[in-house]
Amino acid sequence: MRRILFLLTVCTLVIPVKLMADEPTAEQRATQSELDAACEIARQKNIAIGQAKEVERCHKENEASDRESCEELYKYYGEATGNRPALFYDLPECKAAHKFRNSY
């Protein structure tokens, strides 16, 4: 009984300290926000280029389809849908954001 009580006491003291140690500082949060924003800007640039190419390809290959139909078909290009992951998280800006997030 004493052993269980001792273990419970130790757990209640150690777990909150461990949880507090993982909390990022204000500087880390600010840096992470900047890195995340740079990643998203780079992703959106690449998504816009890829989306435009796919819409153009769709319109050329399916002459019966009007441009608006192709734009509707590819409006979520690059984003996570169904089992397909989001694209362009392998860009250097996104890798830097991910690496920094894992550092703290």
PDB file of N, CA and C in Angstrom:
ATOM      1  N   MET A   1       0.829  -1.197   0.000  1.00  0.00           N
ATOM      2  CA  MET A   1       0.000   0.000   0.000  1.00  0.00           C
ATOM      3  C   MET A   1       0.868   1.255   0.000  1.00  0.00           C
ATOM      4  N   ARG A   2       1.921   1.244   0.824  1.00  0.00           N
ATOM      5  CA  ARG A   2       2.816   2.396   0.878  1.00  0.00           C
ATOM      6  C   ARG A   2       3.515   2.608  -0.466  1.00  0.00           C
ATOM      7  N   ARG A   3       3.851   1.495  -1.111  1.00  0.00           N
ATOM      8  CA  ARG A   3       4.549   1.571  -2.393  1.00  0.00           C
ATOM      9  C   ARG A   3       3.645   2.230  -3.445  1.00  0.00           C
ATOM     10  N   ILE A   4       2.378   1.871  -3.483  1.00  0.00           N
ATOM     11  CA  ILE A   4       1.439   2.449  -4.439  1.00  0.00           C
ATOM     12  C   ILE A   4       1.257   3.931  -4.162  1.00  0.00           C
ATOM     13  N   LEU A   5       1.124   4.290  -2.921  1.00  0.00           N
ATOM     14  CA  LEU A   5       0.978   5.685  -2.535  1.00  0.00           C
ATOM     15  C   LEU A   5       2.214   6.487  -2.932  1.00  0.00           C
ATOM     16  N   PHE A   6       3.377   5.913  -2.750  1.00  0.00           N
ATOM     17  CA  PHE A   6       4.627   6.563  -3.132  1.00  0.00           C
ATOM     18  C   PHE A   6       4.678   6.789  -4.651  1.00  0.00           C
ATOM     19  N   LEU A   7       4.314   5.757  -5.423  1.00  0.00           N
ATOM     20  CA  LEU A   7       4.331   5.878  -6.882  1.00  0.00           C
ATOM     21  C   LEU A   7       3.338   6.927  -7.366  1.00  0.00           C
ATOM     22  N   LEU A   8       2.173   6.975  -6.773  1.00  0.00           N
ATOM     23  CA  LEU A   8       1.190   7.984  -7.152  1.00  0.00           C
ATOM     24  C   LEU A   8       1.701   9.391  -6.854  1.00  0.00           C
ATOM     25  N   THR A   9       2.342   9.561  -5.738  1.00  0.00           N
ATOM     26  CA  THR A   9       2.902  10.860  -5.361  1.00  0.00           C
ATOM     27  C   THR A   9       3.984  11.283  -6.348  1.00  0.00           C
ATOM     28  N   VAL A  10       4.861  10.366  -6.684  1.00  0.00           N
ATOM     29  CA  VAL A  10       5.931  10.674  -7.635  1.00  0.00           C
ATOM     30  C   VAL A  10       5.344  11.042  -9.000  1.00  0.00           C
ATOM     31  N   CYS A  11       4.354  10.290  -9.443  1.00  0.00           N
ATOM     32  CA  CYS A  11       3.736  10.573 -10.740  1.00  0.00           C
ATOM     33  C   CYS A  11       3.077  11.940 -10.766  1.00  0.00           C
ATOM     34  N   THR A  12       2.416  12.317  -9.693  1.00  0.00           N
ATOM     35  CA  THR A  12       1.741  13.616  -9.671  1.00  0.00           C
ATOM     36  C   THR A  12       2.745  14.762  -9.633  1.00  0.00           C
ATOM     37  N   LEU A  13       3.955  14.507  -9.201  1.00  0.00           N
ATOM     38  CA  LEU A  13       4.985  15.545  -9.185  1.00  0.00           C
ATOM     39  C   LEU A  13       5.765  15.598 -10.499  1.00  0.00           C
ATOM     40  N   VAL A  14       6.023  14.469 -11.099  1.00  0.00           N
ATOM     41  CA  VAL A  14       6.869  14.396 -12.288  1.00  0.00           C
ATOM     42  C   VAL A  14       6.113  14.741 -13.561  1.00  0.00           C
ATOM     43  N   ILE A  15       4.904  14.268 -13.737  1.00  0.00           N
ATOM     44  CA  ILE A  15       4.168  14.472 -14.980  1.00  0.00           C
ATOM     45  C   ILE A  15       3.922  15.956 -15.276  1.00  0.00           C
ATOM     46  N   PRO A  16       3.462  16.779 -14.318  1.00  0.00           N
ATOM     47  CA  PRO A  16       3.278  18.207 -14.638  1.00  0.00           C
ATOM     48  C   PRO A  16       4.581  18.901 -15.019  1.00  0.00           C
ATOM     49  N   VAL A  17       5.691  18.545 -14.406  1.00  0.00           N
ATOM     50  CA  VAL A  17       6.976  19.146 -14.748  1.00  0.00           C
ATOM     51  C   VAL A  17       7.352  18.788 -16.181  1.00  0.00           C
ATOM     52  N   LYS A  18       7.144  17.551 -16.563  1.00  0.00           N
ATOM     53  CA  LYS A  18       7.442  17.104 -17.923  1.00  0.00           C
ATOM     54  C   LYS A  18       6.563  17.846 -18.927  1.00  0.00           C
ATOM     55  N   LEU A  19       5.286  18.028 -18.626  1.00  0.00           N
ATOM     56  CA  LEU A  19       4.388  18.717 -19.537  1.00  0.00           C
ATOM     57  C   LEU A  19       4.766  20.182 -19.691  1.00  0.00           C
ATOM     58  N   MET A  20       5.178  20.828 -18.626  1.00  0.00           N
ATOM     59  CA  MET A  20       5.576  22.225 -18.687  1.00  0.00           C
ATOM     60  C   MET A  20       6.886  22.394 -19.447  1.00  0.00           C
ATOM     61  N   ALA A  21       7.766  21.440 -19.391  1.00  0.00           N
ATOM     62  CA  ALA A  21       9.056  21.542 -20.059  1.00  0.00           C
ATOM     63  C   ALA A  21       8.908  21.554 -21.582  1.00  0.00           C
ATOM     64  N   ASP A  22       7.843  20.984 -22.116  1.00  0.00           N
ATOM     65  CA  ASP A  22       7.646  20.912 -23.553  1.00  0.00           C
ATOM     66  C   ASP A  22       6.976  22.151 -24.137  1.00  0.00           C
ATOM     67  N   GLU A  23       6.551  23.067 -23.309  1.00  0.00           N
ATOM     68  CA  GLU A  23       5.860  24.263 -23.781  1.00  0.00           C
ATOM     69  C   GLU A  23       6.855  25.198 -24.477  1.00  0.00           C
ATOM     70  N   PRO A  24       6.570  25.598 -25.743  1.00  0.00           N
ATOM     71  CA  PRO A  24       7.505  26.488 -26.450  1.00  0.00           C
ATOM     72  C   PRO A  24       7.495  27.894 -25.867  1.00  0.00           C
ATOM     73  N   THR A  25       8.622  28.565 -25.992  1.00  0.00           N
ATOM     74  CA  THR A  25       8.733  29.940 -25.504  1.00  0.00           C
ATOM     75  C   THR A  25       8.042  30.875 -26.501  1.00  0.00           C
ATOM     76  N   ALA A  26       7.858  32.118 -26.092  1.00  0.00           N
ATOM     77  CA  ALA A  26       7.243  33.114 -26.972  1.00  0.00           C
ATOM     78  C   ALA A  26       8.104  33.317 -28.222  1.00  0.00           C
ATOM     79  N   GLU A  27       9.416  33.297 -28.051  1.00  0.00           N
ATOM     80  CA  GLU A  27      10.326  33.455 -29.188  1.00  0.00           C
ATOM     81  C   GLU A  27      10.203  32.269 -30.154  1.00  0.00           C
ATOM     82  N   GLN A  28      10.104  31.065 -29.601  1.00  0.00           N
ATOM     83  CA  GLN A  28       9.937  29.876 -30.449  1.00  0.00           C
ATOM     84  C   GLN A  28       8.606  29.925 -31.201  1.00  0.00           C
ATOM     85  N   ARG A  29       7.554  30.351 -30.523  1.00  0.00           N
ATOM     86  CA  ARG A  29       6.243  30.452 -31.181  1.00  0.00           C
ATOM     87  C   ARG A  29       6.284  31.483 -32.312  1.00  0.00           C
ATOM     88  N   ALA A  30       6.965  32.608 -32.074  1.00  0.00           N
ATOM     89  CA  ALA A  30       7.062  33.644 -33.104  1.00  0.00           C
ATOM     90  C   ALA A  30       7.862  33.142 -34.303  1.00  0.00           C
ATOM     91  N   THR A  31       8.978  32.490 -34.030  1.00  0.00           N
ATOM     92  CA  THR A  31       9.791  31.931 -35.115  1.00  0.00           C
ATOM     93  C   THR A  31       9.012  30.878 -35.874  1.00  0.00           C
ATOM     94  N   GLN A  32       8.287  30.018 -35.145  1.00  0.00           N
ATOM     95  CA  GLN A  32       7.500  28.971 -35.796  1.00  0.00           C
ATOM     96  C   GLN A  32       6.425  29.580 -36.687  1.00  0.00           C
ATOM     97  N   SER A  33       5.787  30.641 -36.225  1.00  0.00           N
ATOM     98  CA  SER A  33       4.755  31.307 -37.033  1.00  0.00           C
ATOM     99  C   SER A  33       5.341  31.863 -38.324  1.00  0.00           C
ATOM    100  N   GLU A  34       6.534  32.454 -38.229  1.00  0.00           N
ATOM    101  CA  GLU A  34       7.196  32.994 -39.423  1.00  0.00           C
ATOM    102  C   GLU A  34       7.547  31.878 -40.406  1.00  0.00           C
ATOM    103  N   LEU A  35       8.080  30.778 -39.883  1.00  0.00           N
ATOM    104  CA  LEU A  35       8.449  29.653 -40.736  1.00  0.00           C
ATOM    105  C   LEU A  35       7.215  29.012 -41.369  1.00  0.00           C
ATOM    106  N   ASP A  36       6.148  28.874 -40.594  1.00  0.00           N
ATOM    107  CA  ASP A  36       4.901  28.314 -41.130  1.00  0.00           C
ATOM    108  C   ASP A  36       4.327  29.206 -42.231  1.00  0.00           C
ATOM    109  N   ALA A  37       4.395  30.515 -42.022  1.00  0.00           N
ATOM    110  CA  ALA A  37       3.883  31.451 -43.027  1.00  0.00           C
ATOM    111  C   ALA A  37       4.703  31.362 -44.316  1.00  0.00           C
ATOM    112  N   ALA A  38       6.030  31.274 -44.184  1.00  0.00           N
ATOM    113  CA  ALA A  38       6.889  31.147 -45.362  1.00  0.00           C
ATOM    114  C   ALA A  38       6.583  29.852 -46.113  1.00  0.00           C
ATOM    115  N   CYS A  39       6.348  28.787 -45.367  1.00  0.00           N
ATOM    116  CA  CYS A  39       5.988  27.503 -45.967  1.00  0.00           C
ATOM    117  C   CYS A  39       4.683  27.634 -46.736  1.00  0.00           C
ATOM    118  N   GLU A  40       3.695  28.232 -46.128  1.00  0.00           N
ATOM    119  CA  GLU A  40       2.381  28.337 -46.768  1.00  0.00           C
ATOM    120  C   GLU A  40       2.428  29.228 -48.009  1.00  0.00           C
ATOM    121  N   ILE A  41       3.210  30.293 -47.970  1.00  0.00           N
ATOM    122  CA  ILE A  41       3.359  31.160 -49.146  1.00  0.00           C
ATOM    123  C   ILE A  41       3.999  30.384 -50.292  1.00  0.00           C
ATOM    124  N   ALA A  42       5.047  29.633 -49.990  1.00  0.00           N
ATOM    125  CA  ALA A  42       5.720  28.825 -51.020  1.00  0.00           C
ATOM    126  C   ALA A  42       4.782  27.749 -51.566  1.00  0.00           C
ATOM    127  N   ARG A  43       4.023  27.105 -50.677  1.00  0.00           N
ATOM    128  CA  ARG A  43       3.072  26.078 -51.111  1.00  0.00           C
ATOM    129  C   ARG A  43       2.017  26.675 -52.036  1.00  0.00           C
ATOM    130  N   GLN A  44       1.431  27.803 -51.641  1.00  0.00           N
ATOM    131  CA  GLN A  44       0.363  28.416 -52.429  1.00  0.00           C
ATOM    132  C   GLN A  44       0.863  28.839 -53.807  1.00  0.00           C
ATOM    133  N   LYS A  45       2.115  29.295 -53.882  1.00  0.00           N
ATOM    134  CA  LYS A  45       2.703  29.664 -55.161  1.00  0.00           C
ATOM    135  C   LYS A  45       2.788  28.431 -56.065  1.00  0.00           C
ATOM    136  N   ASN A  46       3.286  27.328 -55.517  1.00  0.00           N
ATOM    137  CA  ASN A  46       3.408  26.096 -56.290  1.00  0.00           C
ATOM    138  C   ASN A  46       2.050  25.494 -56.623  1.00  0.00           C
ATOM    139  N   ILE A  47       1.105  25.609 -55.709  1.00  0.00           N
ATOM    140  CA  ILE A  47      -0.249  25.115 -55.970  1.00  0.00           C
ATOM    141  C   ILE A  47      -0.883  25.891 -57.116  1.00  0.00           C
ATOM    142  N   ALA A  48      -0.726  27.212 -57.120  1.00  0.00           N
ATOM    143  CA  ALA A  48      -1.311  28.030 -58.185  1.00  0.00           C
ATOM    144  C   ALA A  48      -0.732  27.658 -59.550  1.00  0.00           C
ATOM    145  N   ILE A  49       0.574  27.422 -59.603  1.00  0.00           N
ATOM    146  CA  ILE A  49       1.212  27.031 -60.865  1.00  0.00           C
ATOM    147  C   ILE A  49       0.688  25.671 -61.327  1.00  0.00           C
ATOM    148  N   GLY A  50       0.679  24.700 -60.424  1.00  0.00           N
ATOM    149  CA  GLY A  50       0.203  23.363 -60.765  1.00  0.00           C
ATOM    150  C   GLY A  50      -1.259  23.348 -61.137  1.00  0.00           C
ATOM    151  N   GLN A  51      -2.042  24.115 -60.417  1.00  0.00           N
ATOM    152  CA  GLN A  51      -3.482  24.188 -60.691  1.00  0.00           C
ATOM    153  C   GLN A  51      -3.733  24.770 -62.076  1.00  0.00           C
ATOM    154  N   ALA A  52      -3.024  25.832 -62.415  1.00  0.00           N
ATOM    155  CA  ALA A  52      -3.186  26.450 -63.737  1.00  0.00           C
ATOM    156  C   ALA A  52      -2.813  25.463 -64.846  1.00  0.00           C
ATOM    157  N   LYS A  53      -1.748  24.705 -64.640  1.00  0.00           N
ATOM    158  CA  LYS A  53      -1.342  23.705 -65.638  1.00  0.00           C
ATOM    159  C   LYS A  53      -2.411  22.625 -65.804  1.00  0.00           C
ATOM    160  N   GLU A  54      -2.965  22.149 -64.689  1.00  0.00           N
ATOM    161  CA  GLU A  54      -3.988  21.106 -64.761  1.00  0.00           C
ATOM    162  C   GLU A  54      -5.267  21.610 -65.417  1.00  0.00           C
ATOM    163  N   VAL A  55      -5.655  22.829 -65.121  1.00  0.00           N
ATOM    164  CA  VAL A  55      -6.854  23.404 -65.740  1.00  0.00           C
ATOM    165  C   VAL A  55      -6.638  23.537 -67.239  1.00  0.00           C
ATOM    166  N   GLU A  56      -5.457  24.010 -67.628  1.00  0.00           N
ATOM    167  CA  GLU A  56      -5.147  24.156 -69.052  1.00  0.00           C
ATOM    168  C   GLU A  56      -5.152  22.800 -69.758  1.00  0.00           C
ATOM    169  N   ARG A  57      -4.537  21.802 -69.138  1.00  0.00           N
ATOM    170  CA  ARG A  57      -4.501  20.456 -69.703  1.00  0.00           C
ATOM    171  C   ARG A  57      -5.922  19.900 -69.848  1.00  0.00           C
ATOM    172  N   CYS A  58      -6.726  20.061 -68.818  1.00  0.00           N
ATOM    173  CA  CYS A  58      -8.118  19.591 -68.835  1.00  0.00           C
ATOM    174  C   CYS A  58      -8.879  20.245 -69.983  1.00  0.00           C
ATOM    175  N   HIS A  59      -8.709  21.531 -70.124  1.00  0.00           N
ATOM    176  CA  HIS A  59      -9.444  22.276 -71.149  1.00  0.00           C
ATOM    177  C   HIS A  59      -9.012  21.847 -72.556  1.00  0.00           C
ATOM    178  N   LYS A  60      -7.721  21.592 -72.744  1.00  0.00           N
ATOM    179  CA  LYS A  60      -7.230  21.173 -74.062  1.00  0.00           C
ATOM    180  C   LYS A  60      -7.625  19.741 -74.399  1.00  0.00           C
ATOM    181  N   GLU A  61      -7.526  18.857 -73.409  1.00  0.00           N
ATOM    182  CA  GLU A  61      -7.820  17.446 -73.662  1.00  0.00           C
ATOM    183  C   GLU A  61      -9.305  17.166 -73.802  1.00  0.00           C
ATOM    184  N   ASN A  62     -10.113  17.934 -73.128  1.00  0.00           N
ATOM    185  CA  ASN A  62     -11.570  17.731 -73.159  1.00  0.00           C
ATOM    186  C   ASN A  62     -12.219  18.961 -73.768  1.00  0.00           C
ATOM    187  N   GLU A  63     -12.176  19.043 -75.060  1.00  0.00           N
ATOM    188  CA  GLU A  63     -12.687  20.238 -75.731  1.00  0.00           C
ATOM    189  C   GLU A  63     -14.150  20.501 -75.421  1.00  0.00           C
ATOM    190  N   ALA A  64     -14.871  19.461 -75.035  1.00  0.00           N
ATOM    191  CA  ALA A  64     -16.283  19.643 -74.683  1.00  0.00           C
ATOM    192  C   ALA A  64     -16.424  20.381 -73.344  1.00  0.00           C
ATOM    193  N   SER A  65     -15.378  20.275 -72.520  1.00  0.00           N
ATOM    194  CA  SER A  65     -15.429  20.943 -71.210  1.00  0.00           C
ATOM    195  C   SER A  65     -15.073  22.415 -71.354  1.00  0.00           C
ATOM    196  N   ASP A  66     -15.868  23.251 -70.737  1.00  0.00           N
ATOM    197  CA  ASP A  66     -15.524  24.665 -70.736  1.00  0.00           C
ATOM    198  C   ASP A  66     -14.516  24.924 -69.611  1.00  0.00           C
ATOM    199  N   ARG A  67     -13.860  26.038 -69.666  1.00  0.00           N
ATOM    200  CA  ARG A  67     -12.815  26.376 -68.707  1.00  0.00           C
ATOM    201  C   ARG A  67     -13.338  26.373 -67.267  1.00  0.00           C
ATOM    202  N   GLU A  68     -14.546  26.845 -67.060  1.00  0.00           N
ATOM    203  CA  GLU A  68     -15.116  26.896 -65.708  1.00  0.00           C
ATOM    204  C   GLU A  68     -15.274  25.497 -65.111  1.00  0.00           C
ATOM    205  N   SER A  69     -15.629  24.522 -65.945  1.00  0.00           N
ATOM    206  CA  SER A  69     -15.759  23.145 -65.462  1.00  0.00           C
ATOM    207  C   SER A  69     -14.408  22.598 -65.020  1.00  0.00           C
ATOM    208  N   CYS A  70     -13.383  22.906 -65.797  1.00  0.00           N
ATOM    209  CA  CYS A  70     -12.031  22.452 -65.440  1.00  0.00           C
ATOM    210  C   CYS A  70     -11.551  23.151 -64.167  1.00  0.00           C
ATOM    211  N   GLU A  71     -11.850  24.436 -64.030  1.00  0.00           N
ATOM    212  CA  GLU A  71     -11.467  25.159 -62.816  1.00  0.00           C
ATOM    213  C   GLU A  71     -12.171  24.572 -61.595  1.00  0.00           C
ATOM    214  N   GLU A  72     -13.416  24.222 -61.752  1.00  0.00           N
ATOM    215  CA  GLU A  72     -14.172  23.600 -60.656  1.00  0.00           C
ATOM    216  C   GLU A  72     -13.578  22.247 -60.292  1.00  0.00           C
ATOM    217  N   LEU A  73     -13.180  21.494 -61.297  1.00  0.00           N
ATOM    218  CA  LEU A  73     -12.600  20.173 -61.080  1.00  0.00           C
ATOM    219  C   LEU A  73     -11.285  20.255 -60.299  1.00  0.00           C
ATOM    220  N   TYR A  74     -10.503  21.285 -60.547  1.00  0.00           N
ATOM    221  CA  TYR A  74      -9.178  21.405 -59.919  1.00  0.00           C
ATOM    222  C   TYR A  74      -9.101  22.501 -58.858  1.00  0.00           C
ATOM    223  N   LYS A  75     -10.232  22.931 -58.330  1.00  0.00           N
ATOM    224  CA  LYS A  75     -10.186  24.024 -57.357  1.00  0.00           C
ATOM    225  C   LYS A  75      -9.524  23.624 -56.036  1.00  0.00           C
ATOM    226  N   TYR A  76      -9.469  22.330 -55.727  1.00  0.00           N
ATOM    227  CA  TYR A  76      -8.812  21.877 -54.500  1.00  0.00           C
ATOM    228  C   TYR A  76      -7.454  21.248 -54.780  1.00  0.00           C
ATOM    229  N   TYR A  77      -6.902  21.526 -55.943  1.00  0.00           N
ATOM    230  CA  TYR A  77      -5.599  20.969 -56.313  1.00  0.00           C
ATOM    231  C   TYR A  77      -4.567  21.329 -55.234  1.00  0.00           C
ATOM    232  N   GLY A  78      -3.814  20.336 -54.813  1.00  0.00           N
ATOM    233  CA  GLY A  78      -2.741  20.556 -53.853  1.00  0.00           C
ATOM    234  C   GLY A  78      -3.137  20.415 -52.400  1.00  0.00           C
ATOM    235  N   GLU A  79      -4.430  20.445 -52.113  1.00  0.00           N
ATOM    236  CA  GLU A  79      -4.886  20.327 -50.734  1.00  0.00           C
ATOM    237  C   GLU A  79      -5.184  18.871 -50.405  1.00  0.00           C
ATOM    238  N   ALA A  80      -5.190  18.537 -49.132  1.00  0.00           N
ATOM    239  CA  ALA A  80      -5.492  17.173 -48.697  1.00  0.00           C
ATOM    240  C   ALA A  80      -6.977  16.896 -48.924  1.00  0.00           C
ATOM    241  N   THR A  81      -7.240  15.827 -49.661  1.00  0.00           N
ATOM    242  CA  THR A  81      -8.621  15.409 -49.878  1.00  0.00           C
ATOM    243  C   THR A  81      -8.670  13.894 -49.858  1.00  0.00           C
ATOM    244  N   GLY A  82      -9.655  13.347 -49.176  1.00  0.00           N
ATOM    245  CA  GLY A  82      -9.770  11.891 -49.086  1.00  0.00           C
ATOM    246  C   GLY A  82      -8.518  11.283 -48.495  1.00  0.00           C
ATOM    247  N   ASN A  83      -7.960  10.307 -49.183  1.00  0.00           N
ATOM    248  CA  ASN A  83      -6.723   9.671 -48.730  1.00  0.00           C
ATOM    249  C   ASN A  83      -5.487  10.326 -49.322  1.00  0.00           C
ATOM    250  N   ARG A  84      -5.663  11.347 -50.120  1.00  0.00           N
ATOM    251  CA  ARG A  84      -4.539  12.015 -50.770  1.00  0.00           C
ATOM    252  C   ARG A  84      -3.989  13.106 -49.853  1.00  0.00           C
ATOM    253  N   PRO A  85      -2.691  13.070 -49.565  1.00  0.00           N
ATOM    254  CA  PRO A  85      -2.108  14.106 -48.702  1.00  0.00           C
ATOM    255  C   PRO A  85      -1.955  15.427 -49.455  1.00  0.00           C
ATOM    256  N   ALA A  86      -1.796  16.485 -48.709  1.00  0.00           N
ATOM    257  CA  ALA A  86      -1.553  17.792 -49.314  1.00  0.00           C
ATOM    258  C   ALA A  86      -0.198  17.784 -50.015  1.00  0.00           C
ATOM    259  N   LEU A  87      -0.099  18.569 -51.070  1.00  0.00           N
ATOM    260  CA  LEU A  87       1.139  18.630 -51.843  1.00  0.00           C
ATOM    261  C   LEU A  87       2.054  19.750 -51.360  1.00  0.00           C
ATOM    262  N   PHE A  88       3.309  19.625 -51.719  1.00  0.00           N
ATOM    263  CA  PHE A  88       4.336  20.653 -51.579  1.00  0.00           C
ATOM    264  C   PHE A  88       4.808  20.902 -50.153  1.00  0.00           C
ATOM    265  N   TYR A  89       4.610  19.948 -49.259  1.00  0.00           N
ATOM    266  CA  TYR A  89       5.215  20.085 -47.935  1.00  0.00           C
ATOM    267  C   TYR A  89       6.671  19.631 -47.952  1.00  0.00           C
ATOM    268  N   ASP A  90       7.164  19.254 -49.139  1.00  0.00           N
ATOM    269  CA  ASP A  90       8.564  18.874 -49.277  1.00  0.00           C
ATOM    270  C   ASP A  90       9.440  20.046 -49.733  1.00  0.00           C
ATOM    271  N   LEU A  91       8.864  21.226 -49.822  1.00  0.00           N
ATOM    272  CA  LEU A  91       9.629  22.410 -50.199  1.00  0.00           C
ATOM    273  C   LEU A  91      10.596  22.784 -49.078  1.00  0.00           C
ATOM    274  N   PRO A  92      11.720  23.425 -49.413  1.00  0.00           N
ATOM    275  CA  PRO A  92      12.709  23.788 -48.379  1.00  0.00           C
ATOM    276  C   PRO A  92      12.114  24.606 -47.234  1.00  0.00           C
ATOM    277  N   GLU A  93      11.195  25.516 -47.549  1.00  0.00           N
ATOM    278  CA  GLU A  93      10.581  26.344 -46.502  1.00  0.00           C
ATOM    279  C   GLU A  93       9.773  25.490 -45.525  1.00  0.00           C
ATOM    280  N   CYS A  94       9.089  24.492 -46.051  1.00  0.00           N
ATOM    281  CA  CYS A  94       8.264  23.619 -45.202  1.00  0.00           C
ATOM    282  C   CYS A  94       9.138  22.659 -44.398  1.00  0.00           C
ATOM    283  N   LYS A  95      10.216  22.203 -45.012  1.00  0.00           N
ATOM    284  CA  LYS A  95      11.144  21.338 -44.282  1.00  0.00           C
ATOM    285  C   LYS A  95      11.775  22.094 -43.121  1.00  0.00           C
ATOM    286  N   ALA A  96      12.099  23.369 -43.335  1.00  0.00           N
ATOM    287  CA  ALA A  96      12.683  24.194 -42.263  1.00  0.00           C
ATOM    288  C   ALA A  96      11.681  24.383 -41.126  1.00  0.00           C
ATOM    289  N   ALA A  97      10.417  24.617 -41.469  1.00  0.00           N
ATOM    290  CA  ALA A  97       9.386  24.792 -40.442  1.00  0.00           C
ATOM    291  C   ALA A  97       9.202  23.506 -39.644  1.00  0.00           C
ATOM    292  N   HIS A  98       9.193  22.383 -40.348  1.00  0.00           N
ATOM    293  CA  HIS A  98       9.027  21.088 -39.676  1.00  0.00           C
ATOM    294  C   HIS A  98      10.226  20.778 -38.782  1.00  0.00           C
ATOM    295  N   LYS A  99      11.404  21.034 -39.277  1.00  0.00           N
ATOM    296  CA  LYS A  99      12.621  20.786 -38.500  1.00  0.00           C
ATOM    297  C   LYS A  99      12.646  21.649 -37.227  1.00  0.00           C
ATOM    298  N   PHE A 100      12.267  22.921 -37.375  1.00  0.00           N
ATOM    299  CA  PHE A 100      12.240  23.794 -36.193  1.00  0.00           C
ATOM    300  C   PHE A 100      11.191  23.316 -35.192  1.00  0.00           C
ATOM    301  N   ARG A 101      10.013  22.910 -35.678  1.00  0.00           N
ATOM    302  CA  ARG A 101       8.954  22.446 -34.786  1.00  0.00           C
ATOM    303  C   ARG A 101       9.429  21.226 -33.974  1.00  0.00           C
ATOM    304  N   ASN A 102      10.192  20.371 -34.577  1.00  0.00           N
ATOM    305  CA  ASN A 102      10.689  19.180 -33.877  1.00  0.00           C
ATOM    306  C   ASN A 102      11.867  19.479 -32.962  1.00  0.00           C
ATOM    307  N   SER A 103      12.418  20.679 -33.011  1.00  0.00           N
ATOM    308  CA  SER A 103      13.582  21.012 -32.206  1.00  0.00           C
ATOM    309  C   SER A 103      13.246  21.394 -30.767  1.00  0.00           C
ATOM    310  N   TYR A 104      11.996  21.712 -30.502  1.00  0.00           N
ATOM    311  CA  TYR A 104      11.637  22.096 -29.129  1.00  0.00           C
ATOM    312  C   TYR A 104      10.571  21.205 -28.545  1.00  0.00           C
TER     313      TYR A 104
END
